[in-house]
Amino acid sequence: MTSNPEVLPPGLISAVEAQSGWGGIEKNLDVSRSITDSLVVDAILASDAERPGRVDLYAVKGPTGNGKTIVLKRAAWMAAHDYDKVVLFLKMGGAIRNDALEEIYRYTQERLFLFIDKAALYVEDIRRVIEFAKSHDLRLTVIVAERDAEWNVRCESLEKYSVREFLVRYLSEREIRAPSTKIRGTRFTRTAQGTSGF
């Protein structure tokens, strides 16, 4: 497993992103959620003085199907595209290369934001990258997502890093109504309007 994390350069929109599960995010088709806003404010926009240390860990947790992956991707997208942060998103089956992270950090001299979905699959890697970043004086924010049950059973060893939790629960009334306004004017609704029956 030698694939590298995806680096999302600011403003880059490509067919690769659309094919790798970023198309809905790029087209802004996801539901705007207050939990995403909270995550961005606390994990992405916080100054170094507001953080517990040079390295910090945030966990997006919730039941199956409540949108943890979308929250994680939206936060990563916003960090890279809206706030010009150095963002890496670990591909499924990928590996975290500490030497590559260090090289990126030394080159940019900016805090790195590493996003990892399905954290239970990478517990040992997450622990290693946190320890590496601390021992090499890197500024690193790790933001992970995992189901509540998996976290409670398999991610226990990460609790020692003062994990800040963001719980993804049911959609609010406002969040439920938002998608209907987003799809108006899309190709789907234009096509549906042009047909006599559905």
N, C-alpha and C. Protein backbone atom coordinates (compact mmCIF):
# COMPACT_ATOMS: atom_id res chain seq x y z
N MET A 1 0.83 -1.18 0.00
CA MET A 1 0.00 0.00 0.00
C MET A 1 0.88 1.24 0.00
N THR A 2 1.17 1.74 -1.19
CA THR A 2 2.08 2.86 -1.28
C THR A 2 1.43 4.11 -1.84
N SER A 3 0.13 4.10 -2.04
CA SER A 3 -0.49 5.30 -2.59
C SER A 3 -0.45 6.43 -1.57
N ASN A 4 -0.33 7.63 -2.08
CA ASN A 4 -0.21 8.81 -1.23
C ASN A 4 -1.57 9.42 -0.97
N PRO A 5 -1.67 10.25 0.07
CA PRO A 5 -2.92 10.97 0.30
C PRO A 5 -3.19 11.92 -0.86
N GLU A 6 -4.46 12.23 -1.09
CA GLU A 6 -4.83 13.22 -2.09
C GLU A 6 -4.53 14.60 -1.52
N VAL A 7 -3.87 15.43 -2.29
CA VAL A 7 -3.66 16.82 -1.91
C VAL A 7 -4.65 17.63 -2.73
N LEU A 8 -5.48 18.41 -2.07
CA LEU A 8 -6.48 19.21 -2.77
C LEU A 8 -5.98 20.64 -2.90
N PRO A 9 -5.38 20.97 -4.04
CA PRO A 9 -4.90 22.33 -4.21
C PRO A 9 -6.07 23.30 -4.35
N PRO A 10 -5.91 24.50 -3.82
CA PRO A 10 -7.01 25.47 -3.89
C PRO A 10 -7.42 25.73 -5.33
N GLY A 11 -8.73 25.73 -5.58
CA GLY A 11 -9.25 26.09 -6.88
C GLY A 11 -9.17 25.02 -7.95
N LEU A 12 -8.54 23.88 -7.70
CA LEU A 12 -8.41 22.86 -8.73
C LEU A 12 -9.66 22.00 -8.75
N ILE A 13 -10.33 21.97 -9.88
CA ILE A 13 -11.51 21.13 -10.07
C ILE A 13 -11.22 20.28 -11.30
N SER A 14 -11.27 18.97 -11.15
CA SER A 14 -10.91 18.11 -12.28
C SER A 14 -11.86 16.93 -12.37
N ALA A 15 -11.76 16.22 -13.49
CA ALA A 15 -12.55 15.01 -13.68
C ALA A 15 -12.15 13.95 -12.67
N VAL A 16 -10.90 13.96 -12.25
CA VAL A 16 -10.43 12.98 -11.26
C VAL A 16 -11.22 13.15 -9.97
N GLU A 17 -11.45 14.39 -9.53
CA GLU A 17 -12.21 14.64 -8.31
C GLU A 17 -13.63 14.13 -8.46
N ALA A 18 -14.23 14.35 -9.61
CA ALA A 18 -15.60 13.90 -9.83
C ALA A 18 -15.68 12.38 -9.79
N GLN A 19 -14.69 11.71 -10.36
CA GLN A 19 -14.70 10.25 -10.40
C GLN A 19 -14.30 9.63 -9.07
N SER A 20 -13.61 10.36 -8.22
CA SER A 20 -13.14 9.79 -6.96
C SER A 20 -14.06 10.13 -5.79
N GLY A 21 -15.29 10.56 -6.09
CA GLY A 21 -16.25 10.82 -5.03
C GLY A 21 -16.32 12.27 -4.58
N TRP A 22 -15.70 13.17 -5.31
CA TRP A 22 -15.71 14.58 -4.95
C TRP A 22 -16.68 15.38 -5.83
N GLY A 23 -17.30 14.76 -6.81
CA GLY A 23 -18.18 15.47 -7.74
C GLY A 23 -19.34 16.18 -7.07
N GLY A 24 -20.03 15.49 -6.15
CA GLY A 24 -21.16 16.11 -5.45
C GLY A 24 -20.73 17.25 -4.56
N ILE A 25 -19.54 17.13 -3.98
CA ILE A 25 -19.00 18.21 -3.14
C ILE A 25 -18.65 19.41 -4.03
N GLU A 26 -17.96 19.13 -5.13
CA GLU A 26 -17.54 20.19 -6.05
C GLU A 26 -18.74 20.94 -6.62
N LYS A 27 -19.83 20.21 -6.88
CA LYS A 27 -21.04 20.83 -7.44
C LYS A 27 -21.96 21.36 -6.35
N ASN A 28 -21.54 21.25 -5.11
CA ASN A 28 -22.29 21.80 -3.98
C ASN A 28 -23.66 21.14 -3.83
N LEU A 29 -23.73 19.82 -4.07
CA LEU A 29 -25.00 19.11 -3.98
C LEU A 29 -25.26 18.51 -2.60
N ASP A 30 -24.28 18.59 -1.72
CA ASP A 30 -24.49 18.07 -0.37
C ASP A 30 -25.33 19.05 0.45
N VAL A 31 -25.88 18.54 1.53
CA VAL A 31 -26.69 19.37 2.42
C VAL A 31 -25.77 20.19 3.31
N SER A 32 -26.04 21.47 3.40
CA SER A 32 -25.28 22.33 4.29
C SER A 32 -25.65 21.98 5.73
N ARG A 33 -24.65 21.58 6.53
CA ARG A 33 -24.94 21.12 7.89
C ARG A 33 -24.20 21.98 8.91
N SER A 34 -24.88 22.26 9.99
CA SER A 34 -24.26 23.09 11.04
C SER A 34 -23.06 22.38 11.66
N ILE A 35 -23.05 21.04 11.69
CA ILE A 35 -21.92 20.31 12.26
C ILE A 35 -20.66 20.54 11.41
N THR A 36 -20.83 20.68 10.10
CA THR A 36 -19.69 20.97 9.23
C THR A 36 -19.12 22.34 9.54
N ASP A 37 -20.02 23.31 9.71
CA ASP A 37 -19.57 24.66 10.05
C ASP A 37 -18.80 24.67 11.36
N SER A 38 -19.31 23.95 12.36
CA SER A 38 -18.62 23.89 13.66
C SER A 38 -17.24 23.25 13.52
N LEU A 39 -17.17 22.17 12.73
CA LEU A 39 -15.89 21.50 12.52
C LEU A 39 -14.89 22.42 11.84
N VAL A 40 -15.33 23.14 10.83
CA VAL A 40 -14.43 24.05 10.12
C VAL A 40 -13.94 25.16 11.04
N VAL A 41 -14.83 25.75 11.81
CA VAL A 41 -14.44 26.83 12.72
C VAL A 41 -13.44 26.33 13.76
N ASP A 42 -13.75 25.19 14.38
CA ASP A 42 -12.92 24.71 15.48
C ASP A 42 -11.64 24.02 15.03
N ALA A 43 -11.70 23.22 13.97
CA ALA A 43 -10.54 22.43 13.57
C ALA A 43 -9.69 23.10 12.49
N ILE A 44 -10.31 23.86 11.61
CA ILE A 44 -9.58 24.45 10.49
C ILE A 44 -9.16 25.89 10.77
N LEU A 45 -10.09 26.69 11.26
CA LEU A 45 -9.83 28.13 11.39
C LEU A 45 -9.23 28.55 12.72
N ALA A 46 -9.15 27.65 13.68
CA ALA A 46 -8.57 28.00 14.98
C ALA A 46 -7.10 28.39 14.82
N SER A 47 -6.68 29.39 15.55
CA SER A 47 -5.27 29.78 15.53
C SER A 47 -4.47 28.78 16.36
N ASP A 48 -3.16 28.80 16.20
CA ASP A 48 -2.31 27.90 16.97
C ASP A 48 -2.47 28.14 18.47
N ALA A 49 -2.70 29.39 18.86
CA ALA A 49 -2.86 29.71 20.28
C ALA A 49 -4.13 29.08 20.86
N GLU A 50 -5.14 28.84 20.01
CA GLU A 50 -6.40 28.26 20.45
C GLU A 50 -6.38 26.74 20.47
N ARG A 51 -5.32 26.14 20.01
CA ARG A 51 -5.22 24.68 19.92
C ARG A 51 -4.54 24.11 21.16
N PRO A 52 -4.82 22.84 21.47
CA PRO A 52 -4.19 22.23 22.65
C PRO A 52 -2.69 21.99 22.48
N GLY A 53 -2.20 22.01 21.25
CA GLY A 53 -0.78 21.79 20.98
C GLY A 53 -0.52 21.90 19.50
N ARG A 54 0.71 21.60 19.10
CA ARG A 54 1.06 21.66 17.67
C ARG A 54 0.35 20.58 16.87
N VAL A 55 0.00 19.50 17.54
CA VAL A 55 -0.70 18.39 16.89
C VAL A 55 -2.03 18.20 17.60
N ASP A 56 -3.12 18.12 16.82
CA ASP A 56 -4.43 17.90 17.44
C ASP A 56 -5.25 16.92 16.61
N LEU A 57 -6.25 16.32 17.28
CA LEU A 57 -7.05 15.27 16.68
C LEU A 57 -8.53 15.56 16.88
N TYR A 58 -9.30 15.46 15.80
CA TYR A 58 -10.74 15.68 15.83
C TYR A 58 -11.41 14.44 15.24
N ALA A 59 -12.53 14.05 15.83
CA ALA A 59 -13.26 12.87 15.35
C ALA A 59 -14.70 13.22 15.02
N VAL A 60 -15.10 12.92 13.79
CA VAL A 60 -16.48 13.07 13.34
C VAL A 60 -17.11 11.70 13.54
N LYS A 61 -18.09 11.62 14.44
CA LYS A 61 -18.66 10.33 14.82
C LYS A 61 -20.17 10.34 14.68
N GLY A 62 -20.72 9.15 14.42
CA GLY A 62 -22.16 9.03 14.31
C GLY A 62 -22.55 7.66 13.82
N PRO A 63 -23.85 7.39 13.79
CA PRO A 63 -24.33 6.10 13.31
C PRO A 63 -24.14 5.95 11.80
N THR A 64 -24.29 4.75 11.33
CA THR A 64 -24.20 4.46 9.90
C THR A 64 -25.22 5.28 9.12
N GLY A 65 -24.76 5.88 8.02
CA GLY A 65 -25.68 6.58 7.12
C GLY A 65 -26.06 7.98 7.51
N ASN A 66 -25.46 8.55 8.55
CA ASN A 66 -25.84 9.90 8.98
C ASN A 66 -25.02 11.00 8.31
N GLY A 67 -24.08 10.64 7.42
CA GLY A 67 -23.39 11.66 6.64
C GLY A 67 -22.00 12.02 7.12
N LYS A 68 -21.34 11.14 7.85
CA LYS A 68 -20.00 11.45 8.36
C LYS A 68 -19.00 11.70 7.24
N THR A 69 -19.02 10.85 6.22
CA THR A 69 -18.08 11.00 5.11
C THR A 69 -18.31 12.30 4.37
N ILE A 70 -19.56 12.67 4.17
CA ILE A 70 -19.87 13.93 3.48
C ILE A 70 -19.41 15.12 4.32
N VAL A 71 -19.63 15.08 5.62
CA VAL A 71 -19.15 16.15 6.50
C VAL A 71 -17.63 16.25 6.40
N LEU A 72 -16.95 15.12 6.42
CA LEU A 72 -15.49 15.10 6.34
C LEU A 72 -15.01 15.68 5.01
N LYS A 73 -15.63 15.25 3.91
CA LYS A 73 -15.22 15.75 2.59
C LYS A 73 -15.54 17.23 2.43
N ARG A 74 -16.71 17.66 2.90
CA ARG A 74 -17.06 19.08 2.78
C ARG A 74 -16.07 19.94 3.57
N ALA A 75 -15.72 19.50 4.77
CA ALA A 75 -14.76 20.26 5.59
C ALA A 75 -13.40 20.32 4.90
N ALA A 76 -12.96 19.21 4.31
CA ALA A 76 -11.68 19.18 3.59
C ALA A 76 -11.73 20.12 2.39
N TRP A 77 -12.83 20.06 1.66
CA TRP A 77 -13.00 20.92 0.48
C TRP A 77 -12.96 22.40 0.87
N MET A 78 -13.71 22.74 1.93
CA MET A 78 -13.73 24.13 2.38
C MET A 78 -12.35 24.58 2.83
N ALA A 79 -11.65 23.72 3.56
CA ALA A 79 -10.31 24.07 4.04
C ALA A 79 -9.39 24.39 2.88
N ALA A 80 -9.42 23.55 1.83
CA ALA A 80 -8.53 23.74 0.69
C ALA A 80 -8.98 24.87 -0.22
N HIS A 81 -10.26 24.89 -0.57
CA HIS A 81 -10.74 25.82 -1.59
C HIS A 81 -11.17 27.17 -1.04
N ASP A 82 -11.76 27.19 0.15
CA ASP A 82 -12.23 28.46 0.71
C ASP A 82 -11.20 29.15 1.58
N TYR A 83 -10.35 28.35 2.25
CA TYR A 83 -9.43 28.93 3.23
C TYR A 83 -7.96 28.69 2.89
N ASP A 84 -7.69 28.12 1.72
CA ASP A 84 -6.32 27.99 1.21
C ASP A 84 -5.38 27.24 2.17
N LYS A 85 -5.90 26.20 2.82
CA LYS A 85 -5.09 25.40 3.75
C LYS A 85 -4.45 24.24 2.99
N VAL A 86 -3.41 23.67 3.56
CA VAL A 86 -2.74 22.51 2.98
C VAL A 86 -3.50 21.28 3.47
N VAL A 87 -4.23 20.63 2.56
CA VAL A 87 -5.13 19.55 2.91
C VAL A 87 -4.71 18.26 2.23
N LEU A 88 -4.70 17.18 3.00
CA LEU A 88 -4.47 15.85 2.46
C LEU A 88 -5.63 14.97 2.90
N PHE A 89 -6.18 14.20 1.97
CA PHE A 89 -7.30 13.31 2.27
C PHE A 89 -6.86 11.90 1.90
N LEU A 90 -6.76 11.04 2.88
CA LEU A 90 -6.26 9.69 2.65
C LEU A 90 -7.27 8.88 1.84
N LYS A 91 -6.82 8.35 0.72
CA LYS A 91 -7.68 7.48 -0.10
C LYS A 91 -7.86 6.16 0.61
N MET A 92 -9.03 5.52 0.38
CA MET A 92 -9.26 4.20 0.96
C MET A 92 -8.17 3.25 0.46
N GLY A 93 -7.58 2.52 1.41
CA GLY A 93 -6.52 1.58 1.08
C GLY A 93 -5.16 2.23 0.96
N GLY A 94 -5.10 3.54 1.12
CA GLY A 94 -3.83 4.25 1.02
C GLY A 94 -3.01 4.13 2.29
N ALA A 95 -1.82 4.67 2.23
CA ALA A 95 -0.92 4.62 3.38
C ALA A 95 -0.46 6.04 3.73
N ILE A 96 -0.23 6.27 4.99
CA ILE A 96 0.28 7.56 5.46
C ILE A 96 1.80 7.46 5.47
N ARG A 97 2.44 8.32 4.72
CA ARG A 97 3.91 8.34 4.68
C ARG A 97 4.40 9.53 5.48
N ASN A 98 4.97 9.25 6.62
CA ASN A 98 5.44 10.31 7.51
C ASN A 98 6.50 11.18 6.85
N ASP A 99 7.40 10.57 6.08
CA ASP A 99 8.46 11.34 5.42
C ASP A 99 7.86 12.32 4.40
N ALA A 100 6.80 11.92 3.71
CA ALA A 100 6.15 12.82 2.75
C ALA A 100 5.48 13.98 3.47
N LEU A 101 4.82 13.68 4.61
CA LEU A 101 4.19 14.75 5.39
C LEU A 101 5.24 15.75 5.87
N GLU A 102 6.35 15.23 6.35
CA GLU A 102 7.40 16.12 6.83
C GLU A 102 7.94 16.98 5.70
N GLU A 103 8.12 16.40 4.53
CA GLU A 103 8.62 17.16 3.38
C GLU A 103 7.65 18.26 2.99
N ILE A 104 6.37 17.95 2.95
CA ILE A 104 5.36 18.96 2.62
C ILE A 104 5.37 20.08 3.67
N TYR A 105 5.45 19.69 4.94
CA TYR A 105 5.46 20.70 6.01
C TYR A 105 6.70 21.60 5.91
N ARG A 106 7.87 21.00 5.71
CA ARG A 106 9.11 21.80 5.63
C ARG A 106 9.06 22.75 4.43
N TYR A 107 8.43 22.31 3.35
CA TYR A 107 8.34 23.14 2.16
C TYR A 107 7.35 24.29 2.36
N THR A 108 6.17 23.99 2.93
CA THR A 108 5.12 25.02 3.05
C THR A 108 5.25 25.85 4.32
N GLN A 109 5.78 25.25 5.39
CA GLN A 109 5.85 25.89 6.71
C GLN A 109 4.46 26.26 7.22
N GLU A 110 3.45 25.51 6.77
CA GLU A 110 2.08 25.76 7.22
C GLU A 110 1.51 24.50 7.85
N ARG A 111 0.55 24.71 8.74
CA ARG A 111 -0.14 23.57 9.37
C ARG A 111 -0.72 22.67 8.28
N LEU A 112 -0.56 21.36 8.46
CA LEU A 112 -1.14 20.38 7.56
C LEU A 112 -2.44 19.86 8.15
N PHE A 113 -3.41 19.62 7.29
CA PHE A 113 -4.70 19.07 7.70
C PHE A 113 -4.87 17.72 7.00
N LEU A 114 -4.83 16.66 7.80
CA LEU A 114 -4.92 15.30 7.29
C LEU A 114 -6.29 14.74 7.63
N PHE A 115 -7.07 14.37 6.60
CA PHE A 115 -8.41 13.84 6.77
C PHE A 115 -8.40 12.33 6.49
N ILE A 116 -9.03 11.57 7.39
CA ILE A 116 -9.05 10.11 7.25
C ILE A 116 -10.46 9.60 7.55
N ASP A 117 -11.06 8.96 6.55
CA ASP A 117 -12.37 8.35 6.75
C ASP A 117 -12.16 6.91 7.21
N LYS A 118 -13.14 6.37 7.92
CA LYS A 118 -13.08 5.00 8.45
C LYS A 118 -11.82 4.80 9.30
N ALA A 119 -11.71 5.62 10.32
CA ALA A 119 -10.52 5.68 11.18
C ALA A 119 -10.15 4.33 11.80
N ALA A 120 -11.14 3.49 12.07
CA ALA A 120 -10.85 2.20 12.70
C ALA A 120 -9.90 1.35 11.88
N LEU A 121 -9.88 1.57 10.56
CA LEU A 121 -8.97 0.82 9.69
C LEU A 121 -7.54 1.32 9.78
N TYR A 122 -7.35 2.50 10.36
CA TYR A 122 -6.04 3.15 10.35
C TYR A 122 -5.55 3.56 11.74
N VAL A 123 -6.06 2.93 12.77
CA VAL A 123 -5.75 3.36 14.14
C VAL A 123 -4.24 3.42 14.38
N GLU A 124 -3.54 2.38 14.02
CA GLU A 124 -2.09 2.35 14.27
C GLU A 124 -1.37 3.41 13.44
N ASP A 125 -1.80 3.61 12.20
CA ASP A 125 -1.21 4.65 11.35
C ASP A 125 -1.46 6.04 11.92
N ILE A 126 -2.66 6.26 12.43
CA ILE A 126 -3.00 7.56 13.03
C ILE A 126 -2.14 7.81 14.26
N ARG A 127 -2.02 6.80 15.09
CA ARG A 127 -1.20 6.93 16.29
C ARG A 127 0.26 7.24 15.90
N ARG A 128 0.77 6.53 14.89
CA ARG A 128 2.16 6.75 14.46
C ARG A 128 2.38 8.15 13.89
N VAL A 129 1.43 8.62 13.06
CA VAL A 129 1.62 9.94 12.46
C VAL A 129 1.55 11.04 13.52
N ILE A 130 0.70 10.87 14.51
CA ILE A 130 0.62 11.85 15.60
C ILE A 130 1.93 11.88 16.38
N GLU A 131 2.44 10.72 16.73
CA GLU A 131 3.71 10.66 17.46
C GLU A 131 4.86 11.21 16.62
N PHE A 132 4.87 10.89 15.33
CA PHE A 132 5.91 11.40 14.43
C PHE A 132 5.85 12.92 14.36
N ALA A 133 4.66 13.46 14.17
CA ALA A 133 4.51 14.92 14.06
C ALA A 133 4.96 15.61 15.34
N LYS A 134 4.63 15.02 16.49
CA LYS A 134 5.07 15.61 17.77
C LYS A 134 6.59 15.58 17.89
N SER A 135 7.20 14.46 17.56
CA SER A 135 8.65 14.33 17.72
C SER A 135 9.44 15.12 16.69
N HIS A 136 8.81 15.46 15.55
CA HIS A 136 9.49 16.22 14.50
C HIS A 136 9.00 17.67 14.43
N ASP A 137 8.26 18.09 15.45
CA ASP A 137 7.83 19.47 15.59
C ASP A 137 7.02 19.98 14.39
N LEU A 138 6.14 19.12 13.86
CA LEU A 138 5.27 19.52 12.77
C LEU A 138 3.97 20.06 13.35
N ARG A 139 3.37 21.00 12.66
CA ARG A 139 2.02 21.44 13.02
C ARG A 139 1.05 20.63 12.17
N LEU A 140 0.28 19.77 12.83
CA LEU A 140 -0.59 18.83 12.12
C LEU A 140 -1.93 18.72 12.82
N THR A 141 -2.99 18.82 12.02
CA THR A 141 -4.34 18.56 12.51
C THR A 141 -4.85 17.33 11.79
N VAL A 142 -5.24 16.32 12.56
CA VAL A 142 -5.79 15.09 12.00
C VAL A 142 -7.30 15.09 12.28
N ILE A 143 -8.07 14.93 11.22
CA ILE A 143 -9.53 14.92 11.34
C ILE A 143 -10.01 13.59 10.76
N VAL A 144 -10.65 12.80 11.61
CA VAL A 144 -11.06 11.46 11.21
C VAL A 144 -12.58 11.32 11.31
N ALA A 145 -13.10 10.29 10.66
CA ALA A 145 -14.52 9.97 10.78
C ALA A 145 -14.67 8.48 11.04
N GLU A 146 -15.65 8.14 11.89
CA GLU A 146 -15.90 6.73 12.17
C GLU A 146 -17.28 6.58 12.80
N ARG A 147 -17.86 5.40 12.59
CA ARG A 147 -19.14 5.07 13.23
C ARG A 147 -18.94 4.97 14.73
N ASP A 148 -19.95 5.34 15.49
CA ASP A 148 -19.87 5.29 16.96
C ASP A 148 -19.41 3.93 17.45
N ALA A 149 -20.05 2.86 16.96
CA ALA A 149 -19.75 1.51 17.45
C ALA A 149 -18.30 1.13 17.15
N GLU A 150 -17.83 1.43 15.95
CA GLU A 150 -16.44 1.11 15.58
C GLU A 150 -15.46 1.90 16.44
N TRP A 151 -15.76 3.17 16.66
CA TRP A 151 -14.88 4.00 17.47
C TRP A 151 -14.76 3.41 18.88
N ASN A 152 -15.89 3.07 19.46
CA ASN A 152 -15.91 2.57 20.83
C ASN A 152 -15.16 1.25 20.98
N VAL A 153 -15.14 0.44 19.93
CA VAL A 153 -14.50 -0.87 20.01
C VAL A 153 -13.04 -0.84 19.55
N ARG A 154 -12.75 -0.10 18.45
CA ARG A 154 -11.44 -0.23 17.83
C ARG A 154 -10.54 1.00 17.93
N CYS A 155 -11.06 2.13 18.35
CA CYS A 155 -10.27 3.37 18.35
C CYS A 155 -9.91 3.85 19.75
N GLU A 156 -10.08 3.00 20.71
CA GLU A 156 -9.83 3.34 22.12
C GLU A 156 -8.45 3.94 22.35
N SER A 157 -7.44 3.43 21.64
CA SER A 157 -6.06 3.90 21.86
C SER A 157 -5.84 5.34 21.41
N LEU A 158 -6.78 5.90 20.65
CA LEU A 158 -6.63 7.29 20.20
C LEU A 158 -7.15 8.28 21.23
N GLU A 159 -7.91 7.81 22.20
CA GLU A 159 -8.49 8.69 23.22
C GLU A 159 -7.44 9.46 24.01
N LYS A 160 -6.25 8.92 24.13
CA LYS A 160 -5.20 9.60 24.91
C LYS A 160 -4.72 10.90 24.26
N TYR A 161 -5.12 11.13 23.01
CA TYR A 161 -4.69 12.35 22.31
C TYR A 161 -5.70 13.49 22.45
N SER A 162 -6.53 13.44 23.46
CA SER A 162 -7.51 14.51 23.73
C SER A 162 -8.36 14.79 22.49
N VAL A 163 -9.01 13.77 22.01
CA VAL A 163 -9.83 13.87 20.81
C VAL A 163 -10.98 14.82 21.05
N ARG A 164 -11.18 15.72 20.13
CA ARG A 164 -12.34 16.61 20.15
C ARG A 164 -13.40 15.99 19.25
N GLU A 165 -14.57 15.71 19.77
CA GLU A 165 -15.61 14.98 19.04
C GLU A 165 -16.64 15.92 18.41
N PHE A 166 -17.05 15.55 17.20
CA PHE A 166 -18.14 16.22 16.49
C PHE A 166 -19.14 15.15 16.11
N LEU A 167 -20.30 15.20 16.73
CA LEU A 167 -21.29 14.14 16.57
C LEU A 167 -22.26 14.47 15.44
N VAL A 168 -22.31 13.59 14.45
CA VAL A 168 -23.23 13.75 13.33
C VAL A 168 -24.49 12.96 13.66
N ARG A 169 -25.58 13.66 13.83
CA ARG A 169 -26.84 13.02 14.19
C ARG A 169 -27.87 13.27 13.08
N TYR A 170 -29.11 13.31 13.41
CA TYR A 170 -30.15 13.47 12.41
C TYR A 170 -30.14 14.88 11.82
N LEU A 171 -30.66 15.00 10.61
CA LEU A 171 -30.77 16.30 9.97
C LEU A 171 -31.79 17.17 10.71
N SER A 172 -31.50 18.45 10.78
CA SER A 172 -32.47 19.39 11.36
C SER A 172 -33.53 19.70 10.30
N GLU A 173 -34.59 20.36 10.71
CA GLU A 173 -35.65 20.75 9.77
C GLU A 173 -35.09 21.61 8.64
N ARG A 174 -34.22 22.56 8.99
CA ARG A 174 -33.60 23.43 7.98
C ARG A 174 -32.75 22.62 7.02
N GLU A 175 -32.01 21.65 7.53
CA GLU A 175 -31.15 20.83 6.69
C GLU A 175 -31.96 19.93 5.77
N ILE A 176 -33.12 19.49 6.23
CA ILE A 176 -33.99 18.64 5.41
C ILE A 176 -34.56 19.44 4.23
N ARG A 177 -34.92 20.69 4.48
CA ARG A 177 -35.53 21.51 3.44
C ARG A 177 -34.51 22.03 2.42
N ALA A 178 -33.26 22.13 2.79
CA ALA A 178 -32.24 22.73 1.93
C ALA A 178 -32.05 22.02 0.59
N PRO A 179 -32.05 20.69 0.51
CA PRO A 179 -31.79 20.05 -0.78
C PRO A 179 -32.79 20.41 -1.87
N SER A 180 -34.06 20.63 -1.51
CA SER A 180 -35.06 20.94 -2.53
C SER A 180 -34.74 22.26 -3.24
N THR A 181 -34.13 23.20 -2.54
CA THR A 181 -33.76 24.46 -3.18
C THR A 181 -32.49 24.29 -4.00
N LYS A 182 -31.62 23.37 -3.61
CA LYS A 182 -30.37 23.17 -4.35
C LYS A 182 -30.58 22.51 -5.70
N ILE A 183 -31.53 21.59 -5.80
CA ILE A 183 -31.68 20.87 -7.06
C ILE A 183 -32.50 21.63 -8.10
N ARG A 184 -33.16 22.70 -7.69
CA ARG A 184 -33.89 23.51 -8.67
C ARG A 184 -32.88 24.10 -9.66
N GLY A 185 -33.17 23.97 -10.92
CA GLY A 185 -32.28 24.54 -11.94
C GLY A 185 -31.19 23.58 -12.38
N THR A 186 -31.10 22.41 -11.80
CA THR A 186 -30.09 21.44 -12.24
C THR A 186 -30.58 20.75 -13.50
N ARG A 187 -29.70 20.03 -14.16
CA ARG A 187 -30.05 19.30 -15.37
C ARG A 187 -31.21 18.33 -15.10
N PHE A 188 -31.23 17.73 -13.91
CA PHE A 188 -32.29 16.78 -13.56
C PHE A 188 -33.66 17.46 -13.60
N THR A 189 -33.78 18.61 -12.97
CA THR A 189 -35.10 19.26 -12.93
C THR A 189 -35.47 19.81 -14.29
N ARG A 190 -34.50 20.30 -15.06
CA ARG A 190 -34.80 20.79 -16.42
C ARG A 190 -35.30 19.64 -17.30
N THR A 191 -34.69 18.46 -17.15
CA THR A 191 -35.12 17.29 -17.93
C THR A 191 -36.49 16.84 -17.49
N ALA A 192 -36.75 16.81 -16.19
CA ALA A 192 -38.04 16.38 -15.67
C ALA A 192 -39.15 17.32 -16.12
N GLN A 193 -38.87 18.62 -16.18
CA GLN A 193 -39.89 19.58 -16.60
C GLN A 193 -40.26 19.42 -18.07
N GLY A 194 -39.33 18.91 -18.86
CA GLY A 194 -39.57 18.75 -20.29
C GLY A 194 -40.30 17.46 -20.65
N THR A 195 -40.63 16.65 -19.69
CA THR A 195 -41.33 15.39 -19.98
C THR A 195 -42.80 15.52 -19.61
N SER A 196 -43.62 14.72 -20.29
CA SER A 196 -45.07 14.80 -20.02
C SER A 196 -45.46 14.01 -18.79
N GLY A 197 -44.72 13.02 -18.45
CA GLY A 197 -45.04 12.20 -17.28
C GLY A 197 -43.79 11.69 -16.61
N PHE A 198 -43.94 11.27 -15.44
CA PHE A 198 -42.77 10.88 -14.63
C PHE A 198 -42.94 9.47 -14.18
